[in-house]
Amino acid sequence: MANIVKVHPFPATKTFTNGLLNEFFNRGIADVFGNDDMVMNQPAANVTETNDAFKLTLAAPGFDKKDFALHVENNYLTIEGKHEAQTEEKNEDGEKFLRREFRYEAFKRSFKLPNSVNFDAISAVYENGLLNVTLPKKEEAKPFSKNIQIG
């Protein structure tokens, strides 16, 4: 079974924990502890698989669909998001942030795609703070089943 794999394309820009440990142990500190919660300033992603497609869902609240750019090259799907964050700490009602955890001004995520993906049919929809990317499988990669009559 082929999987979609998360990729960190720029090792020189990584922090101490995700850069140096990555180079030394050939894996990130998040891999050592079993989760990706330590990756900062990147939206979380869920990947699912059906018989017909892979589905990638990226949580990116506060963006508009025009803020995203998706690109496929050499079996890598790269998703970039960039928008101007609200710099004002108070709104017109006098409400101010006491804690602000989802503030993505820009991000770039890359995923290695299996050869079974039909690259010409990839589609994406952004709604309710979620970017949903559908990666259909090639016909030959879909499960095949047939009942054969005994004559």
N, C-alpha and C. Protein backbone atom coordinates (compact mmCIF):
# COMPACT_ATOMS: atom_id res chain seq x y z
N MET A 1 0.84 -1.17 0.00
CA MET A 1 0.00 0.00 0.00
C MET A 1 0.89 1.23 0.00
N ALA A 2 0.59 2.18 -0.84
CA ALA A 2 1.36 3.42 -0.94
C ALA A 2 0.81 4.45 0.03
N ASN A 3 1.67 5.27 0.56
CA ASN A 3 1.26 6.30 1.51
C ASN A 3 1.68 7.66 1.03
N ILE A 4 0.97 8.68 1.50
CA ILE A 4 1.38 10.05 1.28
C ILE A 4 2.26 10.42 2.46
N VAL A 5 3.44 10.96 2.17
CA VAL A 5 4.44 11.19 3.20
C VAL A 5 4.71 12.68 3.34
N LYS A 6 4.79 13.17 4.58
CA LYS A 6 5.12 14.56 4.85
C LYS A 6 6.61 14.78 4.61
N VAL A 7 6.95 15.91 3.99
CA VAL A 7 8.34 16.20 3.64
C VAL A 7 8.72 17.56 4.18
N HIS A 8 9.93 17.69 4.69
CA HIS A 8 10.49 18.97 5.10
C HIS A 8 11.55 19.34 4.07
N PRO A 9 11.20 20.18 3.05
CA PRO A 9 12.09 20.40 1.93
C PRO A 9 13.32 21.25 2.21
N PHE A 10 13.33 22.04 3.26
CA PHE A 10 14.43 22.96 3.49
C PHE A 10 15.09 22.71 4.85
N PRO A 11 16.00 21.72 4.96
CA PRO A 11 16.59 21.38 6.25
C PRO A 11 17.41 22.52 6.85
N ALA A 12 17.97 23.40 6.04
CA ALA A 12 18.81 24.48 6.57
C ALA A 12 18.00 25.49 7.36
N THR A 13 16.69 25.56 7.15
CA THR A 13 15.87 26.55 7.84
C THR A 13 15.17 25.99 9.06
N LYS A 14 15.47 24.78 9.43
CA LYS A 14 14.80 24.16 10.56
C LYS A 14 15.38 24.66 11.88
N THR A 15 14.57 24.54 12.91
CA THR A 15 15.02 24.94 14.24
C THR A 15 15.97 23.89 14.80
N PHE A 16 16.52 24.16 15.96
CA PHE A 16 17.45 23.22 16.60
C PHE A 16 16.82 21.84 16.76
N THR A 17 15.59 21.80 17.32
CA THR A 17 14.98 20.50 17.60
C THR A 17 14.58 19.76 16.34
N ASN A 18 14.08 20.47 15.35
CA ASN A 18 13.66 19.78 14.13
C ASN A 18 14.74 19.79 13.06
N GLY A 19 15.81 20.53 13.24
CA GLY A 19 16.89 20.57 12.25
C GLY A 19 18.07 19.72 12.64
N LEU A 20 18.69 20.06 13.76
CA LEU A 20 19.88 19.35 14.19
C LEU A 20 19.57 17.89 14.51
N LEU A 21 18.50 17.65 15.24
CA LEU A 21 18.14 16.26 15.54
C LEU A 21 17.79 15.49 14.28
N ASN A 22 17.15 16.17 13.33
CA ASN A 22 16.82 15.53 12.06
C ASN A 22 18.08 15.07 11.35
N GLU A 23 19.08 15.95 11.30
CA GLU A 23 20.32 15.62 10.61
C GLU A 23 21.09 14.52 11.36
N PHE A 24 21.09 14.59 12.67
CA PHE A 24 21.87 13.65 13.47
C PHE A 24 21.23 12.27 13.51
N PHE A 25 19.94 12.20 13.79
CA PHE A 25 19.26 10.92 13.93
C PHE A 25 18.45 10.54 12.70
N ASN A 26 18.45 11.40 11.69
CA ASN A 26 17.68 11.19 10.46
C ASN A 26 16.19 11.09 10.73
N ARG A 27 15.72 11.77 11.74
CA ARG A 27 14.29 11.90 12.01
C ARG A 27 14.07 13.06 12.97
N GLY A 28 12.87 13.60 12.95
CA GLY A 28 12.56 14.76 13.78
C GLY A 28 12.23 14.37 15.21
N ILE A 29 12.28 15.34 16.10
CA ILE A 29 11.96 15.08 17.50
C ILE A 29 10.50 14.67 17.65
N ALA A 30 9.63 15.18 16.77
CA ALA A 30 8.23 14.78 16.82
C ALA A 30 8.08 13.29 16.53
N ASP A 31 8.93 12.75 15.65
CA ASP A 31 8.89 11.32 15.37
C ASP A 31 9.32 10.51 16.58
N VAL A 32 10.28 11.02 17.36
CA VAL A 32 10.76 10.31 18.55
C VAL A 32 9.65 10.17 19.58
N PHE A 33 8.86 11.24 19.75
CA PHE A 33 7.79 11.23 20.76
C PHE A 33 6.45 10.78 20.20
N GLY A 34 6.38 10.52 18.90
CA GLY A 34 5.19 9.92 18.33
C GLY A 34 4.09 10.86 17.90
N ASN A 35 4.36 12.17 17.80
CA ASN A 35 3.32 13.06 17.28
C ASN A 35 3.94 14.24 16.57
N ASP A 36 3.11 14.98 15.87
CA ASP A 36 3.57 16.14 15.12
C ASP A 36 3.18 17.45 15.79
N ASP A 37 2.76 17.40 17.05
CA ASP A 37 2.30 18.61 17.72
C ASP A 37 3.40 19.63 17.89
N MET A 38 4.65 19.21 17.77
CA MET A 38 5.76 20.12 17.97
C MET A 38 6.08 20.94 16.74
N VAL A 39 5.46 20.65 15.61
CA VAL A 39 5.70 21.42 14.40
C VAL A 39 4.88 22.71 14.52
N MET A 40 5.57 23.83 14.57
CA MET A 40 4.91 25.11 14.80
C MET A 40 4.66 25.83 13.48
N ASN A 41 3.68 26.71 13.49
CA ASN A 41 3.36 27.57 12.36
C ASN A 41 3.06 26.81 11.08
N GLN A 42 2.55 25.61 11.21
CA GLN A 42 2.10 24.86 10.05
C GLN A 42 0.74 24.26 10.39
N PRO A 43 -0.19 24.39 9.48
CA PRO A 43 -1.51 23.81 9.75
C PRO A 43 -1.44 22.28 9.83
N ALA A 44 -2.27 21.73 10.68
CA ALA A 44 -2.34 20.28 10.82
C ALA A 44 -3.00 19.68 9.58
N ALA A 45 -2.60 18.46 9.26
CA ALA A 45 -3.14 17.79 8.07
C ALA A 45 -3.61 16.39 8.44
N ASN A 46 -4.72 16.00 7.86
CA ASN A 46 -5.22 14.63 7.95
C ASN A 46 -5.19 14.04 6.55
N VAL A 47 -4.79 12.77 6.44
CA VAL A 47 -4.77 12.08 5.16
C VAL A 47 -5.58 10.80 5.31
N THR A 48 -6.53 10.61 4.41
CA THR A 48 -7.34 9.39 4.41
C THR A 48 -7.27 8.76 3.02
N GLU A 49 -7.66 7.49 2.96
CA GLU A 49 -7.64 6.76 1.70
C GLU A 49 -8.95 6.01 1.53
N THR A 50 -9.50 6.07 0.33
CA THR A 50 -10.65 5.26 -0.06
C THR A 50 -10.20 4.38 -1.22
N ASN A 51 -11.11 3.59 -1.75
CA ASN A 51 -10.78 2.77 -2.91
C ASN A 51 -10.48 3.62 -4.14
N ASP A 52 -11.07 4.82 -4.20
CA ASP A 52 -10.95 5.66 -5.39
C ASP A 52 -9.94 6.80 -5.28
N ALA A 53 -9.59 7.21 -4.04
CA ALA A 53 -8.76 8.41 -3.92
C ALA A 53 -8.10 8.50 -2.55
N PHE A 54 -7.10 9.37 -2.50
CA PHE A 54 -6.54 9.83 -1.23
C PHE A 54 -7.19 11.18 -0.97
N LYS A 55 -7.41 11.51 0.29
CA LYS A 55 -7.97 12.82 0.63
C LYS A 55 -7.09 13.45 1.70
N LEU A 56 -6.69 14.67 1.42
CA LEU A 56 -5.83 15.42 2.33
C LEU A 56 -6.63 16.62 2.82
N THR A 57 -6.75 16.78 4.13
CA THR A 57 -7.47 17.90 4.71
C THR A 57 -6.50 18.71 5.56
N LEU A 58 -6.41 19.99 5.27
CA LEU A 58 -5.49 20.89 5.96
C LEU A 58 -6.31 21.92 6.73
N ALA A 59 -6.08 22.04 8.03
CA ALA A 59 -6.79 23.01 8.87
C ALA A 59 -6.08 24.36 8.77
N ALA A 60 -6.73 25.32 8.13
CA ALA A 60 -6.13 26.64 7.94
C ALA A 60 -7.20 27.72 8.13
N PRO A 61 -7.63 27.96 9.37
CA PRO A 61 -8.67 28.97 9.60
C PRO A 61 -8.15 30.37 9.31
N GLY A 62 -9.05 31.22 8.85
CA GLY A 62 -8.70 32.61 8.61
C GLY A 62 -8.18 32.92 7.23
N PHE A 63 -8.02 31.91 6.39
CA PHE A 63 -7.54 32.11 5.03
C PHE A 63 -8.73 32.26 4.08
N ASP A 64 -8.47 32.76 2.89
CA ASP A 64 -9.41 32.75 1.78
C ASP A 64 -8.84 31.80 0.73
N LYS A 65 -9.70 31.33 -0.17
CA LYS A 65 -9.19 30.39 -1.17
C LYS A 65 -8.14 31.01 -2.07
N LYS A 66 -8.16 32.32 -2.23
CA LYS A 66 -7.14 33.00 -3.05
C LYS A 66 -5.77 33.03 -2.37
N ASP A 67 -5.71 32.69 -1.07
CA ASP A 67 -4.46 32.71 -0.33
C ASP A 67 -3.62 31.45 -0.52
N PHE A 68 -4.18 30.44 -1.22
CA PHE A 68 -3.49 29.16 -1.38
C PHE A 68 -2.91 29.00 -2.77
N ALA A 69 -1.81 28.28 -2.83
CA ALA A 69 -1.21 27.86 -4.10
C ALA A 69 -0.83 26.39 -3.95
N LEU A 70 -1.31 25.56 -4.86
CA LEU A 70 -0.97 24.13 -4.86
C LEU A 70 -0.18 23.83 -6.11
N HIS A 71 0.83 22.98 -5.95
CA HIS A 71 1.73 22.69 -7.06
C HIS A 71 2.18 21.24 -6.95
N VAL A 72 2.17 20.51 -8.06
CA VAL A 72 2.66 19.14 -8.09
C VAL A 72 3.88 19.10 -9.01
N GLU A 73 4.98 18.55 -8.47
CA GLU A 73 6.20 18.39 -9.26
C GLU A 73 6.99 17.21 -8.72
N ASN A 74 7.39 16.33 -9.62
CA ASN A 74 8.19 15.15 -9.26
C ASN A 74 7.57 14.35 -8.12
N ASN A 75 6.27 14.08 -8.21
CA ASN A 75 5.52 13.31 -7.22
C ASN A 75 5.42 13.98 -5.84
N TYR A 76 5.64 15.28 -5.77
CA TYR A 76 5.47 16.03 -4.53
C TYR A 76 4.35 17.05 -4.70
N LEU A 77 3.41 17.03 -3.76
CA LEU A 77 2.38 18.04 -3.71
C LEU A 77 2.84 19.09 -2.72
N THR A 78 2.94 20.33 -3.15
CA THR A 78 3.33 21.42 -2.27
C THR A 78 2.15 22.36 -2.13
N ILE A 79 1.81 22.66 -0.88
CA ILE A 79 0.72 23.57 -0.58
C ILE A 79 1.32 24.78 0.13
N GLU A 80 1.07 25.95 -0.43
CA GLU A 80 1.54 27.18 0.19
C GLU A 80 0.34 28.04 0.54
N GLY A 81 0.41 28.67 1.68
CA GLY A 81 -0.63 29.59 2.10
C GLY A 81 0.02 30.87 2.59
N LYS A 82 -0.54 31.99 2.16
CA LYS A 82 0.02 33.27 2.59
C LYS A 82 -1.10 34.30 2.62
N HIS A 83 -1.22 34.97 3.74
CA HIS A 83 -2.18 36.06 3.84
C HIS A 83 -1.69 37.05 4.88
N GLU A 84 -2.25 38.22 4.82
CA GLU A 84 -1.86 39.24 5.79
C GLU A 84 -2.66 39.02 7.06
N ALA A 85 -1.94 38.79 8.15
CA ALA A 85 -2.60 38.55 9.43
C ALA A 85 -3.09 39.87 10.00
N GLN A 86 -4.12 39.75 10.79
CA GLN A 86 -4.65 40.93 11.47
C GLN A 86 -3.61 41.40 12.48
N THR A 87 -3.14 42.62 12.31
CA THR A 87 -2.11 43.13 13.22
C THR A 87 -2.73 43.86 14.40
N GLU A 88 -3.95 44.33 14.23
CA GLU A 88 -4.64 45.03 15.31
C GLU A 88 -5.01 44.02 16.39
N GLU A 89 -4.64 44.29 17.61
CA GLU A 89 -4.93 43.37 18.71
C GLU A 89 -6.32 43.58 19.29
N LYS A 90 -6.99 44.68 18.91
CA LYS A 90 -8.36 44.94 19.35
C LYS A 90 -9.23 45.14 18.12
N ASN A 91 -10.49 44.72 18.22
CA ASN A 91 -11.41 45.01 17.12
C ASN A 91 -12.27 46.21 17.51
N GLU A 92 -13.25 46.54 16.65
CA GLU A 92 -14.05 47.75 16.92
C GLU A 92 -14.91 47.64 18.17
N ASP A 93 -15.18 46.43 18.65
CA ASP A 93 -15.97 46.25 19.87
C ASP A 93 -15.12 46.32 21.13
N GLY A 94 -13.83 46.56 20.97
CA GLY A 94 -12.94 46.60 22.13
C GLY A 94 -12.46 45.22 22.57
N GLU A 95 -12.84 44.19 21.82
CA GLU A 95 -12.41 42.83 22.14
C GLU A 95 -10.93 42.68 21.77
N LYS A 96 -10.15 42.12 22.67
CA LYS A 96 -8.73 41.92 22.38
C LYS A 96 -8.35 40.47 22.64
N PHE A 97 -7.28 40.05 22.00
CA PHE A 97 -6.80 38.68 22.17
C PHE A 97 -6.06 38.56 23.48
N LEU A 98 -6.38 37.53 24.25
CA LEU A 98 -5.61 37.17 25.43
C LEU A 98 -4.67 36.03 25.11
N ARG A 99 -5.08 35.21 24.17
CA ARG A 99 -4.26 34.10 23.68
C ARG A 99 -4.59 33.91 22.22
N ARG A 100 -3.58 33.80 21.39
CA ARG A 100 -3.80 33.67 19.94
C ARG A 100 -2.95 32.52 19.44
N GLU A 101 -3.61 31.36 19.19
CA GLU A 101 -2.87 30.17 18.80
C GLU A 101 -2.92 29.89 17.31
N PHE A 102 -3.98 30.24 16.62
CA PHE A 102 -3.99 30.01 15.18
C PHE A 102 -3.79 31.32 14.45
N ARG A 103 -2.54 31.53 14.11
CA ARG A 103 -2.13 32.75 13.42
C ARG A 103 -1.09 32.37 12.37
N TYR A 104 -1.55 31.78 11.31
CA TYR A 104 -0.66 31.40 10.22
C TYR A 104 -0.59 32.55 9.24
N GLU A 105 0.54 33.19 9.12
CA GLU A 105 0.69 34.26 8.14
C GLU A 105 1.17 33.67 6.82
N ALA A 106 2.03 32.68 6.91
CA ALA A 106 2.50 31.98 5.72
C ALA A 106 2.98 30.59 6.13
N PHE A 107 2.76 29.64 5.24
CA PHE A 107 3.25 28.29 5.50
C PHE A 107 3.50 27.61 4.17
N LYS A 108 4.26 26.54 4.24
CA LYS A 108 4.53 25.71 3.06
C LYS A 108 4.63 24.27 3.54
N ARG A 109 3.79 23.41 2.99
CA ARG A 109 3.80 21.99 3.34
C ARG A 109 3.99 21.19 2.06
N SER A 110 4.79 20.14 2.13
CA SER A 110 5.00 19.27 0.98
C SER A 110 4.70 17.83 1.38
N PHE A 111 4.11 17.10 0.46
CA PHE A 111 3.74 15.71 0.68
C PHE A 111 4.20 14.90 -0.53
N LYS A 112 4.91 13.79 -0.27
CA LYS A 112 5.32 12.89 -1.35
C LYS A 112 4.11 12.03 -1.71
N LEU A 113 3.79 12.01 -2.99
CA LEU A 113 2.62 11.28 -3.46
C LEU A 113 3.03 9.94 -4.07
N PRO A 114 2.20 8.93 -3.90
CA PRO A 114 2.49 7.64 -4.55
C PRO A 114 2.25 7.73 -6.04
N ASN A 115 2.85 6.82 -6.78
CA ASN A 115 2.69 6.79 -8.24
C ASN A 115 1.27 6.46 -8.66
N SER A 116 0.46 5.96 -7.75
CA SER A 116 -0.92 5.58 -8.09
C SER A 116 -1.86 6.77 -8.20
N VAL A 117 -1.40 7.99 -7.91
CA VAL A 117 -2.26 9.18 -7.99
C VAL A 117 -2.39 9.63 -9.45
N ASN A 118 -3.61 9.95 -9.84
CA ASN A 118 -3.89 10.52 -11.16
C ASN A 118 -3.67 12.04 -11.04
N PHE A 119 -2.49 12.50 -11.40
CA PHE A 119 -2.10 13.90 -11.19
C PHE A 119 -2.97 14.88 -11.97
N ASP A 120 -3.54 14.46 -13.09
CA ASP A 120 -4.37 15.34 -13.91
C ASP A 120 -5.74 15.61 -13.29
N ALA A 121 -6.15 14.81 -12.32
CA ALA A 121 -7.50 14.94 -11.76
C ALA A 121 -7.52 15.46 -10.33
N ILE A 122 -6.40 15.96 -9.83
CA ILE A 122 -6.34 16.49 -8.45
C ILE A 122 -7.22 17.73 -8.37
N SER A 123 -8.00 17.82 -7.29
CA SER A 123 -8.86 18.99 -7.10
C SER A 123 -8.76 19.44 -5.65
N ALA A 124 -9.11 20.72 -5.41
CA ALA A 124 -9.05 21.28 -4.06
C ALA A 124 -10.22 22.23 -3.84
N VAL A 125 -10.75 22.20 -2.61
CA VAL A 125 -11.85 23.07 -2.21
C VAL A 125 -11.53 23.61 -0.82
N TYR A 126 -11.72 24.91 -0.62
CA TYR A 126 -11.51 25.52 0.70
C TYR A 126 -12.85 26.00 1.23
N GLU A 127 -13.27 25.47 2.39
CA GLU A 127 -14.50 25.93 3.02
C GLU A 127 -14.42 25.66 4.51
N ASN A 128 -15.00 26.57 5.27
CA ASN A 128 -15.08 26.48 6.73
C ASN A 128 -13.72 26.26 7.38
N GLY A 129 -12.68 26.91 6.86
CA GLY A 129 -11.35 26.82 7.47
C GLY A 129 -10.58 25.57 7.12
N LEU A 130 -11.11 24.74 6.24
CA LEU A 130 -10.44 23.50 5.85
C LEU A 130 -10.16 23.49 4.35
N LEU A 131 -8.93 23.16 3.99
CA LEU A 131 -8.57 22.96 2.59
C LEU A 131 -8.65 21.46 2.33
N ASN A 132 -9.58 21.05 1.47
CA ASN A 132 -9.79 19.64 1.14
C ASN A 132 -9.22 19.36 -0.24
N VAL A 133 -8.20 18.52 -0.29
CA VAL A 133 -7.55 18.16 -1.55
C VAL A 133 -7.88 16.71 -1.84
N THR A 134 -8.45 16.47 -3.02
CA THR A 134 -8.78 15.11 -3.44
C THR A 134 -7.76 14.67 -4.49
N LEU A 135 -7.15 13.53 -4.23
CA LEU A 135 -6.11 12.98 -5.10
C LEU A 135 -6.62 11.64 -5.64
N PRO A 136 -7.34 11.67 -6.77
CA PRO A 136 -7.90 10.43 -7.31
C PRO A 136 -6.81 9.44 -7.71
N LYS A 137 -7.14 8.17 -7.60
CA LYS A 137 -6.20 7.11 -7.99
C LYS A 137 -6.38 6.81 -9.48
N LYS A 138 -5.31 6.34 -10.09
CA LYS A 138 -5.38 5.87 -11.47
C LYS A 138 -6.26 4.62 -11.50
N GLU A 139 -6.89 4.37 -12.63
CA GLU A 139 -7.80 3.22 -12.75
C GLU A 139 -7.09 1.91 -12.41
N GLU A 140 -5.85 1.76 -12.86
CA GLU A 140 -5.14 0.50 -12.60
C GLU A 140 -4.77 0.32 -11.13
N ALA A 141 -4.83 1.38 -10.35
CA ALA A 141 -4.48 1.28 -8.93
C ALA A 141 -5.70 0.98 -8.06
N LYS A 142 -6.90 1.11 -8.63
CA LYS A 142 -8.12 0.86 -7.86
C LYS A 142 -8.32 -0.65 -7.68
N PRO A 143 -8.88 -1.04 -6.55
CA PRO A 143 -9.14 -2.47 -6.34
C PRO A 143 -10.12 -3.00 -7.38
N PHE A 144 -9.87 -4.21 -7.83
CA PHE A 144 -10.71 -4.83 -8.84
C PHE A 144 -11.29 -6.11 -8.29
N SER A 145 -12.55 -6.31 -8.52
CA SER A 145 -13.23 -7.50 -8.05
C SER A 145 -14.24 -7.96 -9.10
N LYS A 146 -14.30 -9.26 -9.30
CA LYS A 146 -15.22 -9.79 -10.30
C LYS A 146 -15.63 -11.20 -9.90
N ASN A 147 -16.91 -11.48 -10.01
CA ASN A 147 -17.40 -12.84 -9.78
C ASN A 147 -17.35 -13.60 -11.09
N ILE A 148 -16.84 -14.80 -11.02
CA ILE A 148 -16.69 -15.62 -12.23
C ILE A 148 -17.68 -16.79 -12.15
N GLN A 149 -18.48 -16.92 -13.18
CA GLN A 149 -19.45 -18.00 -13.25
C GLN A 149 -18.74 -19.30 -13.60
N ILE A 150 -19.16 -20.35 -12.96
CA ILE A 150 -18.63 -21.68 -13.26
C ILE A 150 -19.54 -22.31 -14.30
N GLY A 151 -18.97 -22.74 -15.44
CA GLY A 151 -19.76 -23.28 -16.54
C GLY A 151 -19.86 -24.77 -16.54
